[in-house]
C-alpha atoms as a PDB file:
ATOM      1  CA  GLU A   1       0.000   0.000   0.000  1.00  0.00           C
ATOM      2  CA  VAL A   2       1.395   3.387  -0.975  1.00  0.00           C
ATOM      3  CA  GLY A   3      -1.320   5.513   0.601  1.00  0.00           C
ATOM      4  CA  ILE A   4      -2.582   7.296  -2.497  1.00  0.00           C
ATOM      5  CA  CYS A   5      -6.131   5.968  -2.290  1.00  0.00           C
ATOM      6  CA  GLU A   6      -8.228   3.136  -0.923  1.00  0.00           C
ATOM      7  CA  ASP A   7      -7.945  -0.252  -2.626  1.00  0.00           C
ATOM      8  CA  TYR A   8      -9.708  -0.479  -6.002  1.00  0.00           C
ATOM      9  CA  THR A   9     -10.567   3.240  -6.142  1.00  0.00           C
ATOM     10  CA  ALA A  10      -7.682   4.735  -8.168  1.00  0.00           C
ATOM     11  CA  TRP A  11      -9.934   5.095 -11.212  1.00  0.00           C
ATOM     12  CA  LYS A  12     -12.027   7.625  -9.285  1.00  0.00           C
ATOM     13  CA  LEU A  13      -9.032   9.967  -9.014  1.00  0.00           C
ATOM     14  CA  PHE A  14      -8.731  10.008 -12.806  1.00  0.00           C
ATOM     15  CA  GLU A  15     -12.468  10.368 -13.292  1.00  0.00           C
ATOM     16  CA  GLN A  16     -12.500  13.374 -10.924  1.00  0.00           C
ATOM     17  CA  ASN A  17      -9.500  14.947 -12.725  1.00  0.00           C
ATOM     18  CA  LYS A  18      -7.336  14.818  -9.582  1.00  0.00           C
ATOM     19  CA  VAL A  19      -4.249  13.324 -11.268  1.00  0.00           C
ATOM     20  CA  GLY A  20      -1.604  15.440 -13.045  1.00  0.00           C
ATOM     21  CA  ILE A  21       1.552  17.439 -12.435  1.00  0.00           C
ATOM     22  CA  ASP A  22      -0.368  20.300 -10.816  1.00  0.00           C
ATOM     23  CA  LYS A  23      -3.213  18.247  -9.317  1.00  0.00           C
ATOM     24  CA  GLU A  24      -4.010  16.657  -5.961  1.00  0.00           C
ATOM     25  CA  VAL A  25      -2.104  13.513  -7.004  1.00  0.00           C
ATOM     26  CA  PRO A  26       1.003  14.672  -8.915  1.00  0.00           C
ATOM     27  CA  PHE A  27       1.771  12.372 -11.831  1.00  0.00           C
ATOM     28  CA  ASN A  28       4.461  12.150 -14.502  1.00  0.00           C
ATOM     29  CA  PRO A  29       6.225  15.486 -13.875  1.00  0.00           C
ATOM     30  CA  SER A  30       9.046  14.767 -16.338  1.00  0.00           C
ATOM     31  CA  GLY A  31       6.706  13.934 -19.204  1.00  0.00           C
ATOM     32  CA  GLY A  32       7.528  10.240 -19.085  1.00  0.00           C
ATOM     33  CA  VAL A  33       8.153   8.515 -22.379  1.00  0.00           C
ATOM     34  CA  THR A  34       6.255  11.239 -24.218  1.00  0.00           C
ATOM     35  CA  ALA A  35       9.332  13.391 -23.557  1.00  0.00           C
ATOM     36  CA  THR A  36      12.000  10.751 -24.223  1.00  0.00           C
ATOM     37  CA  ASN A  37      12.353   6.981 -24.119  1.00  0.00           C
ATOM     38  CA  PRO A  38      15.882   5.615 -23.752  1.00  0.00           C
ATOM     39  CA  ILE A  39      14.878   1.982 -24.238  1.00  0.00           C
ATOM     40  CA  GLY A  40      16.597  -0.238 -21.711  1.00  0.00           C
ATOM     41  CA  ALA A  41      17.495   2.668 -19.439  1.00  0.00           C
ATOM     42  CA  THR A  42      13.930   3.863 -18.885  1.00  0.00           C
ATOM     43  CA  PRO A  43      13.616   2.400 -15.357  1.00  0.00           C
ATOM     44  CA  VAL A  44      16.795   4.197 -14.281  1.00  0.00           C
ATOM     45  CA  VAL A  45      15.529   7.488 -15.737  1.00  0.00           C
ATOM     46  CA  ARG A  46      12.286   7.107 -13.760  1.00  0.00           C
ATOM     47  CA  LEU A  47      14.246   6.352 -10.577  1.00  0.00           C
ATOM     48  CA  VAL A  48      16.431   9.441 -11.054  1.00  0.00           C
ATOM     49  CA  GLU A  49      13.322  11.596 -11.602  1.00  0.00           C
ATOM     50  CA  ALA A  50      11.775  10.224  -8.393  1.00  0.00           C
ATOM     51  CA  VAL A  51      14.965  10.935  -6.429  1.00  0.00           C
ATOM     52  CA  LEU A  52      15.138  14.489  -7.813  1.00  0.00           C
ATOM     53  CA  GLN A  53      11.508  15.113  -6.821  1.00  0.00           C
ATOM     54  CA  VAL A  54      12.021  13.864  -3.257  1.00  0.00           C
ATOM     55  CA  ARG A  55      15.235  15.901  -2.915  1.00  0.00           C
ATOM     56  CA  GLY A  56      13.579  19.034  -4.340  1.00  0.00           C
ATOM     57  CA  ASP A  57      16.098  19.193  -7.186  1.00  0.00           C
ATOM     58  CA  ALA A  58      13.854  18.595 -10.227  1.00  0.00           C
ATOM     59  CA  GLY A  59      14.129  22.141 -11.563  1.00  0.00           C
ATOM     60  CA  GLU A  60      11.396  23.306 -13.955  1.00  0.00           C
ATOM     61  CA  HIS A  61       9.288  20.202 -13.412  1.00  0.00           C
ATOM     62  CA  GLN A  62       9.566  20.113  -9.616  1.00  0.00           C
ATOM     63  CA  ILE A  63       6.234  19.306  -8.008  1.00  0.00           C
ATOM     64  CA  PRO A  64       5.315  22.161  -5.645  1.00  0.00           C
ATOM     65  CA  GLY A  65       5.319  21.537  -1.911  1.00  0.00           C
ATOM     66  CA  LYS A  66       7.167  19.111   0.308  1.00  0.00           C
ATOM     67  CA  ILE A  67       7.595  15.739  -1.395  1.00  0.00           C
ATOM     68  CA  GLU A  68       7.953  12.906   1.113  1.00  0.00           C
ATOM     69  CA  ARG A  69       7.679   9.882  -1.181  1.00  0.00           C
ATOM     70  CA  ALA A  70       7.728   8.959  -4.848  1.00  0.00           C
ATOM     71  CA  LEU A  71       6.718   5.939  -6.887  1.00  0.00           C
ATOM     72  CA  ALA A  72       8.592   5.083 -10.079  1.00  0.00           C
ATOM     73  CA  THR A  73       7.919   2.302 -12.549  1.00  0.00           C
ATOM     74  CA  GLY A  74       9.665   1.203 -15.679  1.00  0.00           C
ATOM     75  CA  TYR A  75       9.760  -1.389 -18.397  1.00  0.00           C
ATOM     76  CA  GLY A  76      13.044  -2.116 -20.081  1.00  0.00           C
ATOM     77  CA  GLY A  77      13.434  -4.799 -22.701  1.00  0.00           C
ATOM     78  CA  GLN A  78      12.100  -8.338 -22.802  1.00  0.00           C
ATOM     79  CA  GLY A  79       9.729  -8.306 -19.860  1.00  0.00           C
ATOM     80  CA  GLU A  80      11.904  -6.593 -17.288  1.00  0.00           C
ATOM     81  CA  ASN A  81       9.567  -4.582 -15.091  1.00  0.00           C
ATOM     82  CA  VAL A  82      10.512  -2.598 -12.029  1.00  0.00           C
ATOM     83  CA  ILE A  83       8.660  -0.595  -9.426  1.00  0.00           C
ATOM     84  CA  MET A  84      10.400   1.552  -6.851  1.00  0.00           C
ATOM     85  CA  LEU A  85       8.869   3.313  -3.876  1.00  0.00           C
ATOM     86  CA  LEU A  86      11.067   5.979  -2.331  1.00  0.00           C
ATOM     87  CA  ARG A  87      10.563   7.758   0.947  1.00  0.00           C
ATOM     88  CA  LYS A  88      12.506  10.683   2.277  1.00  0.00           C
ATOM     89  CA  SER A  89      14.668   9.700   5.213  1.00  0.00           C
ATOM     90  CA  LEU A  90      13.287  10.718   8.592  1.00  0.00           C
END
């Protein structure tokens, strides 16, 4: 559980237009693969973006406010899937 919403209710956030870079649930601040897609390295790029967001070092695409955690996913190659959940150190 990552604490974004109750189980099986994520679709409601999209339906209510609460998901986006400047929304209640910030999403895809770097543009994701619509901005660039270095095949094979994509999971690492997503991890770096998540780290930059949590550190407050993401520059022009920094999500406003205090970022305590980030979730990054990636697909790189023949079925290699990764998911990373980062939390700022206490």
